Amino acid sequence: MIEVLTEDGKTLTGETASDIVRQMGWIVTSMGDYMRGVAVRCEKWRAGDSSKVRTDPKHPEWFLADMLTVGVLKRVSRNGMAESPGSIEKWDVQA
């Protein structure tokens, strides 16, 4: 089970990284559209920072890692254990 705490204090839970990303973007037609929209906002916010937010719908775990890095997510845990961006990136795509 994955649990995330968003910057606005909401807690989201799901079995997979895809479940979490879908909850984050529930009003958008596709997970990829949501991820790309958030990435554009983050890149504008981090003007001058050459890093990009990864938005490959096949790897939602990368998106979660980047959202933790930029502060959109305040905490990500899996099976009760806090995760770092580096550990999230290594999750199995179904995790």
PDB file of N, CA and C in Angstrom:
ATOM      1  N   MET A   1       0.838  -1.174   0.000  1.00  0.00           N
ATOM      2  CA  MET A   1       0.000   0.000   0.000  1.00  0.00           C
ATOM      3  C   MET A   1       0.884   1.239   0.000  1.00  0.00           C
ATOM      4  N   ILE A   2       0.557   2.190  -0.871  1.00  0.00           N
ATOM      5  CA  ILE A   2       1.298   3.446  -0.979  1.00  0.00           C
ATOM      6  C   ILE A   2       0.431   4.550  -0.381  1.00  0.00           C
ATOM      7  N   GLU A   3       1.071   5.426   0.371  1.00  0.00           N
ATOM      8  CA  GLU A   3       0.378   6.578   0.955  1.00  0.00           C
ATOM      9  C   GLU A   3       1.212   7.822   0.710  1.00  0.00           C
ATOM     10  N   VAL A   4       0.559   8.895   0.244  1.00  0.00           N
ATOM     11  CA  VAL A   4       1.261  10.160   0.045  1.00  0.00           C
ATOM     12  C   VAL A   4       0.517  11.276   0.772  1.00  0.00           C
ATOM     13  N   LEU A   5       1.272  12.245   1.230  1.00  0.00           N
ATOM     14  CA  LEU A   5       0.730  13.449   1.839  1.00  0.00           C
ATOM     15  C   LEU A   5       1.023  14.592   0.889  1.00  0.00           C
ATOM     16  N   THR A   6      -0.020  15.282   0.426  1.00  0.00           N
ATOM     17  CA  THR A   6       0.170  16.379  -0.512  1.00  0.00           C
ATOM     18  C   THR A   6       0.473  17.668   0.229  1.00  0.00           C
ATOM     19  N   GLU A   7       0.948  18.669  -0.508  1.00  0.00           N
ATOM     20  CA  GLU A   7       1.314  19.940   0.108  1.00  0.00           C
ATOM     21  C   GLU A   7       0.125  20.634   0.756  1.00  0.00           C
ATOM     22  N   ASP A   8      -1.097  20.307   0.307  1.00  0.00           N
ATOM     23  CA  ASP A   8      -2.282  20.926   0.906  1.00  0.00           C
ATOM     24  C   ASP A   8      -2.902  20.075   2.013  1.00  0.00           C
ATOM     25  N   GLY A   9      -2.169  19.038   2.436  1.00  0.00           N
ATOM     26  CA  GLY A   9      -2.583  18.243   3.581  1.00  0.00           C
ATOM     27  C   GLY A   9      -3.466  17.044   3.285  1.00  0.00           C
ATOM     28  N   LYS A  10      -3.734  16.759   2.024  1.00  0.00           N
ATOM     29  CA  LYS A  10      -4.543  15.596   1.667  1.00  0.00           C
ATOM     30  C   LYS A  10      -3.690  14.335   1.707  1.00  0.00           C
ATOM     31  N   THR A  11      -4.290  13.238   2.143  1.00  0.00           N
ATOM     32  CA  THR A  11      -3.627  11.945   2.130  1.00  0.00           C
ATOM     33  C   THR A  11      -4.284  11.095   1.058  1.00  0.00           C
ATOM     34  N   LEU A  12      -3.477  10.555   0.161  1.00  0.00           N
ATOM     35  CA  LEU A  12      -3.953   9.676  -0.902  1.00  0.00           C
ATOM     36  C   LEU A  12      -3.350   8.300  -0.682  1.00  0.00           C
ATOM     37  N   THR A  13      -4.133   7.261  -0.920  1.00  0.00           N
ATOM     38  CA  THR A  13      -3.621   5.899  -0.786  1.00  0.00           C
ATOM     39  C   THR A  13      -3.988   5.091  -2.026  1.00  0.00           C
ATOM     40  N   GLY A  14      -3.142   4.116  -2.335  1.00  0.00           N
ATOM     41  CA  GLY A  14      -3.404   3.235  -3.464  1.00  0.00           C
ATOM     42  C   GLY A  14      -2.447   2.065  -3.463  1.00  0.00           C
ATOM     43  N   GLU A  15      -2.771   1.094  -4.266  1.00  0.00           N
ATOM     44  CA  GLU A  15      -1.925  -0.097  -4.390  1.00  0.00           C
ATOM     45  C   GLU A  15      -0.724   0.149  -5.294  1.00  0.00           C
ATOM     46  N   THR A  16      -0.889   1.050  -6.291  1.00  0.00           N
ATOM     47  CA  THR A  16       0.190   1.286  -7.254  1.00  0.00           C
ATOM     48  C   THR A  16       0.465   2.778  -7.393  1.00  0.00           C
ATOM     49  N   ALA A  17       1.618   3.098  -7.975  1.00  0.00           N
ATOM     50  CA  ALA A  17       1.944   4.497  -8.263  1.00  0.00           C
ATOM     51  C   ALA A  17       0.913   5.088  -9.220  1.00  0.00           C
ATOM     52  N   SER A  18       0.435   4.307 -10.174  1.00  0.00           N
ATOM     53  CA  SER A  18      -0.601   4.774 -11.102  1.00  0.00           C
ATOM     54  C   SER A  18      -1.871   5.161 -10.357  1.00  0.00           C
ATOM     55  N   ASP A  19      -2.254   4.375  -9.349  1.00  0.00           N
ATOM     56  CA  ASP A  19      -3.441   4.707  -8.551  1.00  0.00           C
ATOM     57  C   ASP A  19      -3.301   6.091  -7.927  1.00  0.00           C
ATOM     58  N   ILE A  20      -2.127   6.383  -7.387  1.00  0.00           N
ATOM     59  CA  ILE A  20      -1.894   7.671  -6.724  1.00  0.00           C
ATOM     60  C   ILE A  20      -1.942   8.808  -7.735  1.00  0.00           C
ATOM     61  N   VAL A  21      -1.248   8.669  -8.860  1.00  0.00           N
ATOM     62  CA  VAL A  21      -1.217   9.732  -9.862  1.00  0.00           C
ATOM     63  C   VAL A  21      -2.621   9.994 -10.397  1.00  0.00           C
ATOM     64  N   ARG A  22      -3.396   8.945 -10.600  1.00  0.00           N
ATOM     65  CA  ARG A  22      -4.776   9.135 -11.070  1.00  0.00           C
ATOM     66  C   ARG A  22      -5.587   9.929 -10.051  1.00  0.00           C
ATOM     67  N   GLN A  23      -5.394   9.671  -8.772  1.00  0.00           N
ATOM     68  CA  GLN A  23      -6.105  10.434  -7.746  1.00  0.00           C
ATOM     69  C   GLN A  23      -5.664  11.892  -7.732  1.00  0.00           C
ATOM     70  N   MET A  24      -4.393  12.132  -7.984  1.00  0.00           N
ATOM     71  CA  MET A  24      -3.877  13.498  -8.002  1.00  0.00           C
ATOM     72  C   MET A  24      -4.495  14.288  -9.151  1.00  0.00           C
ATOM     73  N   GLY A  25      -4.789  13.634 -10.243  1.00  0.00           N
ATOM     74  CA  GLY A  25      -5.305  14.319 -11.430  1.00  0.00           C
ATOM     75  C   GLY A  25      -6.692  13.863 -11.807  1.00  0.00           C
ATOM     76  N   TRP A  26      -7.561  13.689 -10.848  1.00  0.00           N
ATOM     77  CA  TRP A  26      -8.876  13.081 -11.083  1.00  0.00           C
ATOM     78  C   TRP A  26      -9.755  13.825 -12.057  1.00  0.00           C
ATOM     79  N   ILE A  27      -9.545  15.134 -12.309  1.00  0.00           N
ATOM     80  CA  ILE A  27     -10.425  15.860 -13.222  1.00  0.00           C
ATOM     81  C   ILE A  27      -9.900  15.888 -14.656  1.00  0.00           C
ATOM     82  N   VAL A  28      -8.759  15.278 -14.906  1.00  0.00           N
ATOM     83  CA  VAL A  28      -8.140  15.302 -16.231  1.00  0.00           C
ATOM     84  C   VAL A  28      -8.467  13.997 -16.950  1.00  0.00           C
ATOM     85  N   THR A  29      -8.528  14.048 -18.266  1.00  0.00           N
ATOM     86  CA  THR A  29      -8.936  12.877 -19.024  1.00  0.00           C
ATOM     87  C   THR A  29      -7.911  11.754 -19.011  1.00  0.00           C
ATOM     88  N   SER A  30      -6.640  12.073 -18.916  1.00  0.00           N
ATOM     89  CA  SER A  30      -5.652  10.997 -18.902  1.00  0.00           C
ATOM     90  C   SER A  30      -4.544  11.301 -17.898  1.00  0.00           C
ATOM     91  N   MET A  31      -3.928  10.241 -17.407  1.00  0.00           N
ATOM     92  CA  MET A  31      -2.833  10.393 -16.463  1.00  0.00           C
ATOM     93  C   MET A  31      -1.678  11.159 -17.116  1.00  0.00           C
ATOM     94  N   GLY A  32      -1.391  10.858 -18.378  1.00  0.00           N
ATOM     95  CA  GLY A  32      -0.307  11.536 -19.086  1.00  0.00           C
ATOM     96  C   GLY A  32      -0.556  13.037 -19.215  1.00  0.00           C
ATOM     97  N   ASP A  33      -1.800  13.433 -19.535  1.00  0.00           N
ATOM     98  CA  ASP A  33      -2.139  14.854 -19.636  1.00  0.00           C
ATOM     99  C   ASP A  33      -1.927  15.554 -18.303  1.00  0.00           C
ATOM    100  N   TYR A  34      -2.363  14.912 -17.229  1.00  0.00           N
ATOM    101  CA  TYR A  34      -2.188  15.500 -15.899  1.00  0.00           C
ATOM    102  C   TYR A  34      -0.703  15.677 -15.580  1.00  0.00           C
ATOM    103  N   MET A  35       0.085  14.623 -15.813  1.00  0.00           N
ATOM    104  CA  MET A  35       1.505  14.662 -15.483  1.00  0.00           C
ATOM    105  C   MET A  35       2.206  15.764 -16.282  1.00  0.00           C
ATOM    106  N   ARG A  36       1.888  15.894 -17.568  1.00  0.00           N
ATOM    107  CA  ARG A  36       2.520  16.928 -18.395  1.00  0.00           C
ATOM    108  C   ARG A  36       2.136  18.331 -17.920  1.00  0.00           C
ATOM    109  N   GLY A  37       0.868  18.528 -17.540  1.00  0.00           N
ATOM    110  CA  GLY A  37       0.428  19.831 -17.055  1.00  0.00           C
ATOM    111  C   GLY A  37       1.136  20.243 -15.777  1.00  0.00           C
ATOM    112  N   VAL A  38       1.271  19.315 -14.851  1.00  0.00           N
ATOM    113  CA  VAL A  38       1.973  19.606 -13.602  1.00  0.00           C
ATOM    114  C   VAL A  38       3.448  19.872 -13.875  1.00  0.00           C
ATOM    115  N   ALA A  39       4.039  19.116 -14.783  1.00  0.00           N
ATOM    116  CA  ALA A  39       5.457  19.304 -15.116  1.00  0.00           C
ATOM    117  C   ALA A  39       5.711  20.706 -15.637  1.00  0.00           C
ATOM    118  N   VAL A  40       4.841  21.201 -16.504  1.00  0.00           N
ATOM    119  CA  VAL A  40       5.008  22.553 -17.049  1.00  0.00           C
ATOM    120  C   VAL A  40       4.956  23.577 -15.920  1.00  0.00           C
ATOM    121  N   ARG A  41       4.001  23.426 -15.003  1.00  0.00           N
ATOM    122  CA  ARG A  41       3.906  24.369 -13.884  1.00  0.00           C
ATOM    123  C   ARG A  41       5.152  24.310 -13.003  1.00  0.00           C
ATOM    124  N   CYS A  42       5.646  23.104 -12.732  1.00  0.00           N
ATOM    125  CA  CYS A  42       6.844  22.958 -11.893  1.00  0.00           C
ATOM    126  C   CYS A  42       8.062  23.572 -12.564  1.00  0.00           C
ATOM    127  N   GLU A  43       8.195  23.371 -13.876  1.00  0.00           N
ATOM    128  CA  GLU A  43       9.351  23.892 -14.581  1.00  0.00           C
ATOM    129  C   GLU A  43       9.331  25.421 -14.615  1.00  0.00           C
ATOM    130  N   LYS A  44       8.141  26.008 -14.715  1.00  0.00           N
ATOM    131  CA  LYS A  44       8.041  27.471 -14.656  1.00  0.00           C
ATOM    132  C   LYS A  44       8.387  27.953 -13.255  1.00  0.00           C
ATOM    133  N   TRP A  45       7.906  27.227 -12.250  1.00  0.00           N
ATOM    134  CA  TRP A  45       8.166  27.585 -10.861  1.00  0.00           C
ATOM    135  C   TRP A  45       9.655  27.508 -10.553  1.00  0.00           C
ATOM    136  N   ARG A  46      10.325  26.517 -11.124  1.00  0.00           N
ATOM    137  CA  ARG A  46      11.750  26.310 -10.889  1.00  0.00           C
ATOM    138  C   ARG A  46      12.572  26.917 -12.016  1.00  0.00           C
ATOM    139  N   ALA A  47      12.187  28.082 -12.500  1.00  0.00           N
ATOM    140  CA  ALA A  47      12.866  28.741 -13.625  1.00  0.00           C
ATOM    141  C   ALA A  47      14.369  28.763 -13.385  1.00  0.00           C
ATOM    142  N   GLY A  48      15.089  28.408 -14.406  1.00  0.00           N
ATOM    143  CA  GLY A  48      16.535  28.385 -14.307  1.00  0.00           C
ATOM    144  C   GLY A  48      17.086  27.029 -13.905  1.00  0.00           C
ATOM    145  N   ASP A  49      16.229  26.162 -13.390  1.00  0.00           N
ATOM    146  CA  ASP A  49      16.655  24.811 -13.012  1.00  0.00           C
ATOM    147  C   ASP A  49      16.502  23.929 -14.245  1.00  0.00           C
ATOM    148  N   SER A  50      17.584  23.324 -14.669  1.00  0.00           N
ATOM    149  CA  SER A  50      17.561  22.562 -15.918  1.00  0.00           C
ATOM    150  C   SER A  50      16.899  21.195 -15.793  1.00  0.00           C
ATOM    151  N   SER A  51      16.573  20.768 -14.568  1.00  0.00           N
ATOM    152  CA  SER A  51      15.965  19.451 -14.423  1.00  0.00           C
ATOM    153  C   SER A  51      14.530  19.474 -14.933  1.00  0.00           C
ATOM    154  N   LYS A  52      14.093  18.366 -15.436  1.00  0.00           N
ATOM    155  CA  LYS A  52      12.748  18.223 -15.984  1.00  0.00           C
ATOM    156  C   LYS A  52      11.954  17.246 -15.119  1.00  0.00           C
ATOM    157  N   VAL A  53      10.666  17.489 -15.038  1.00  0.00           N
ATOM    158  CA  VAL A  53       9.773  16.548 -14.372  1.00  0.00           C
ATOM    159  C   VAL A  53       9.450  15.452 -15.382  1.00  0.00           C
ATOM    160  N   ARG A  54       9.644  14.218 -14.965  1.00  0.00           N
ATOM    161  CA  ARG A  54       9.417  13.089 -15.874  1.00  0.00           C
ATOM    162  C   ARG A  54       7.939  12.732 -15.899  1.00  0.00           C
ATOM    163  N   THR A  55       7.398  12.602 -17.118  1.00  0.00           N
ATOM    164  CA  THR A  55       5.957  12.421 -17.282  1.00  0.00           C
ATOM    165  C   THR A  55       5.583  11.201 -18.115  1.00  0.00           C
ATOM    166  N   ASP A  56       6.418  10.195 -18.150  1.00  0.00           N
ATOM    167  CA  ASP A  56       6.120   8.985 -18.909  1.00  0.00           C
ATOM    168  C   ASP A  56       5.023   8.202 -18.186  1.00  0.00           C
ATOM    169  N   PRO A  57       3.815   8.070 -18.788  1.00  0.00           N
ATOM    170  CA  PRO A  57       2.735   7.341 -18.124  1.00  0.00           C
ATOM    171  C   PRO A  57       3.083   5.882 -17.800  1.00  0.00           C
ATOM    172  N   LYS A  58       4.115   5.342 -18.440  1.00  0.00           N
ATOM    173  CA  LYS A  58       4.541   3.968 -18.139  1.00  0.00           C
ATOM    174  C   LYS A  58       5.360   3.907 -16.857  1.00  0.00           C
ATOM    175  N   HIS A  59       5.782   5.072 -16.361  1.00  0.00           N
ATOM    176  CA  HIS A  59       6.602   5.133 -15.142  1.00  0.00           C
ATOM    177  C   HIS A  59       6.071   6.203 -14.188  1.00  0.00           C
ATOM    178  N   PRO A  60       4.866   6.017 -13.647  1.00  0.00           N
ATOM    179  CA  PRO A  60       4.321   7.008 -12.722  1.00  0.00           C
ATOM    180  C   PRO A  60       5.161   7.157 -11.457  1.00  0.00           C
ATOM    181  N   GLU A  61       5.959   6.148 -11.137  1.00  0.00           N
ATOM    182  CA  GLU A  61       6.820   6.241  -9.955  1.00  0.00           C
ATOM    183  C   GLU A  61       7.854   7.349 -10.128  1.00  0.00           C
ATOM    184  N   TRP A  62       8.323   7.599 -11.354  1.00  0.00           N
ATOM    185  CA  TRP A  62       9.274   8.685 -11.602  1.00  0.00           C
ATOM    186  C   TRP A  62       8.608  10.027 -11.323  1.00  0.00           C
ATOM    187  N   PHE A  63       7.354  10.160 -11.756  1.00  0.00           N
ATOM    188  CA  PHE A  63       6.599  11.389 -11.524  1.00  0.00           C
ATOM    189  C   PHE A  63       6.431  11.633 -10.022  1.00  0.00           C
ATOM    190  N   LEU A  64       6.083  10.589  -9.261  1.00  0.00           N
ATOM    191  CA  LEU A  64       5.940  10.739  -7.815  1.00  0.00           C
ATOM    192  C   LEU A  64       7.265  11.170  -7.179  1.00  0.00           C
ATOM    193  N   ALA A  65       8.373  10.594  -7.630  1.00  0.00           N
ATOM    194  CA  ALA A  65       9.689  10.970  -7.101  1.00  0.00           C
ATOM    195  C   ALA A  65       9.966  12.451  -7.367  1.00  0.00           C
ATOM    196  N   ASP A  66       9.656  12.918  -8.574  1.00  0.00           N
ATOM    197  CA  ASP A  66       9.886  14.319  -8.914  1.00  0.00           C
ATOM    198  C   ASP A  66       8.953  15.245  -8.128  1.00  0.00           C
ATOM    199  N   MET A  67       7.713  14.823  -7.898  1.00  0.00           N
ATOM    200  CA  MET A  67       6.776  15.634  -7.120  1.00  0.00           C
ATOM    201  C   MET A  67       7.230  15.750  -5.659  1.00  0.00           C
ATOM    202  N   LEU A  68       7.858  14.700  -5.136  1.00  0.00           N
ATOM    203  CA  LEU A  68       8.422  14.758  -3.792  1.00  0.00           C
ATOM    204  C   LEU A  68       9.622  15.711  -3.775  1.00  0.00           C
ATOM    205  N   THR A  69      10.429  15.656  -4.808  1.00  0.00           N
ATOM    206  CA  THR A  69      11.604  16.523  -4.907  1.00  0.00           C
ATOM    207  C   THR A  69      11.221  18.000  -4.937  1.00  0.00           C
ATOM    208  N   VAL A  70      10.204  18.359  -5.725  1.00  0.00           N
ATOM    209  CA  VAL A  70       9.832  19.778  -5.853  1.00  0.00           C
ATOM    210  C   VAL A  70       8.906  20.251  -4.744  1.00  0.00           C
ATOM    211  N   GLY A  71       8.403  19.331  -3.909  1.00  0.00           N
ATOM    212  CA  GLY A  71       7.600  19.728  -2.766  1.00  0.00           C
ATOM    213  C   GLY A  71       6.103  19.657  -2.944  1.00  0.00           C
ATOM    214  N   VAL A  72       5.635  19.198  -4.103  1.00  0.00           N
ATOM    215  CA  VAL A  72       4.194  19.016  -4.296  1.00  0.00           C
ATOM    216  C   VAL A  72       3.691  17.926  -3.351  1.00  0.00           C
ATOM    217  N   LEU A  73       4.505  16.900  -3.169  1.00  0.00           N
ATOM    218  CA  LEU A  73       4.216  15.863  -2.175  1.00  0.00           C
ATOM    219  C   LEU A  73       5.139  16.083  -0.983  1.00  0.00           C
ATOM    220  N   LYS A  74       4.587  15.993   0.191  1.00  0.00           N
ATOM    221  CA  LYS A  74       5.369  16.201   1.411  1.00  0.00           C
ATOM    222  C   LYS A  74       5.919  14.898   1.973  1.00  0.00           C
ATOM    223  N   ARG A  75       5.222  13.809   1.720  1.00  0.00           N
ATOM    224  CA  ARG A  75       5.685  12.500   2.214  1.00  0.00           C
ATOM    225  C   ARG A  75       5.131  11.420   1.305  1.00  0.00           C
ATOM    226  N   VAL A  76       5.962  10.425   1.031  1.00  0.00           N
ATOM    227  CA  VAL A  76       5.535   9.228   0.306  1.00  0.00           C
ATOM    228  C   VAL A  76       5.997   8.038   1.124  1.00  0.00           C
ATOM    229  N   SER A  77       5.081   7.135   1.422  1.00  0.00           N
ATOM    230  CA  SER A  77       5.468   5.922   2.137  1.00  0.00           C
ATOM    231  C   SER A  77       4.864   4.719   1.436  1.00  0.00           C
ATOM    232  N   ARG A  78       5.534   3.614   1.593  1.00  0.00           N
ATOM    233  CA  ARG A  78       5.078   2.355   1.002  1.00  0.00           C
ATOM    234  C   ARG A  78       5.188   1.293   2.070  1.00  0.00           C
ATOM    235  N   ASN A  79       4.071   0.620   2.326  1.00  0.00           N
ATOM    236  CA  ASN A  79       4.010  -0.394   3.377  1.00  0.00           C
ATOM    237  C   ASN A  79       4.504   0.168   4.715  1.00  0.00           C
ATOM    238  N   GLY A  80       4.139   1.435   4.978  1.00  0.00           N
ATOM    239  CA  GLY A  80       4.471   2.066   6.242  1.00  0.00           C
ATOM    240  C   GLY A  80       5.873   2.636   6.350  1.00  0.00           C
ATOM    241  N   MET A  81       6.686   2.492   5.322  1.00  0.00           N
ATOM    242  CA  MET A  81       8.065   2.982   5.355  1.00  0.00           C
ATOM    243  C   MET A  81       8.191   4.227   4.475  1.00  0.00           C
ATOM    244  N   ALA A  82       8.762   5.301   5.039  1.00  0.00           N
ATOM    245  CA  ALA A  82       8.974   6.529   4.279  1.00  0.00           C
ATOM    246  C   ALA A  82       9.933   6.259   3.116  1.00  0.00           C
ATOM    247  N   GLU A  83       9.644   6.880   1.991  1.00  0.00           N
ATOM    248  CA  GLU A  83      10.453   6.693   0.785  1.00  0.00           C
ATOM    249  C   GLU A  83      11.126   8.009   0.390  1.00  0.00           C
ATOM    250  N   SER A  84      12.312   7.905  -0.189  1.00  0.00           N
ATOM    251  CA  SER A  84      13.019   9.052  -0.740  1.00  0.00           C
ATOM    252  C   SER A  84      12.791   9.068  -2.251  1.00  0.00           C
ATOM    253  N   PRO A  85      13.032  10.213  -2.910  1.00  0.00           N
ATOM    254  CA  PRO A  85      12.900  10.218  -4.365  1.00  0.00           C
ATOM    255  C   PRO A  85      13.730   9.120  -5.036  1.00  0.00           C
ATOM    256  N   GLY A  86      14.945   8.899  -4.547  1.00  0.00           N
ATOM    257  CA  GLY A  86      15.802   7.868  -5.140  1.00  0.00           C
ATOM    258  C   GLY A  86      15.241   6.465  -4.997  1.00  0.00           C
ATOM    259  N   SER A  87      14.609   6.184  -3.871  1.00  0.00           N
ATOM    260  CA  SER A  87      14.041   4.843  -3.701  1.00  0.00           C
ATOM    261  C   SER A  87      12.755   4.684  -4.500  1.00  0.00           C
ATOM    262  N   ILE A  88      11.973   5.755  -4.636  1.00  0.00           N
ATOM    263  CA  ILE A  88      10.739   5.688  -5.423  1.00  0.00           C
ATOM    264  C   ILE A  88      11.052   5.404  -6.881  1.00  0.00           C
ATOM    265  N   GLU A  89      12.102   6.022  -7.402  1.00  0.00           N
ATOM    266  CA  GLU A  89      12.486   5.825  -8.810  1.00  0.00           C
ATOM    267  C   GLU A  89      12.750   4.358  -9.131  1.00  0.00           C
ATOM    268  N   LYS A  90      13.130   3.586  -8.132  1.00  0.00           N
ATOM    269  CA  LYS A  90      13.501   2.190  -8.361  1.00  0.00           C
ATOM    270  C   LYS A  90      12.332   1.224  -8.187  1.00  0.00           C
ATOM    271  N   TRP A  91      11.146   1.742  -7.851  1.00  0.00           N
ATOM    272  CA  TRP A  91       9.993   0.859  -7.696  1.00  0.00           C
ATOM    273  C   TRP A  91       9.695   0.134  -8.997  1.00  0.00           C
ATOM    274  N   ASP A  92       9.214  -1.056  -8.878  1.00  0.00           N
ATOM    275  CA  ASP A  92       8.670  -1.779 -10.012  1.00  0.00           C
ATOM    276  C   ASP A  92       7.489  -0.936 -10.538  1.00  0.00           C
ATOM    277  N   VAL A  93       7.311  -0.873 -11.830  1.00  0.00           N
ATOM    278  CA  VAL A  93       6.275  -0.027 -12.431  1.00  0.00           C
ATOM    279  C   VAL A  93       4.888  -0.330 -11.853  1.00  0.00           C
ATOM    280  N   GLN A  94       4.648  -1.511 -11.359  1.00  0.00           N
ATOM    281  CA  GLN A  94       3.362  -1.876 -10.782  1.00  0.00           C
ATOM    282  C   GLN A  94       3.283  -1.545  -9.301  1.00  0.00           C
ATOM    283  N   ALA A  95       4.387  -1.095  -8.714  1.00  0.00           N
ATOM    284  CA  ALA A  95       4.417  -0.855  -7.257  1.00  0.00           C
ATOM    285  C   ALA A  95       3.745   0.446  -6.892  1.00  0.00           C
TER     286      ALA A  95
END
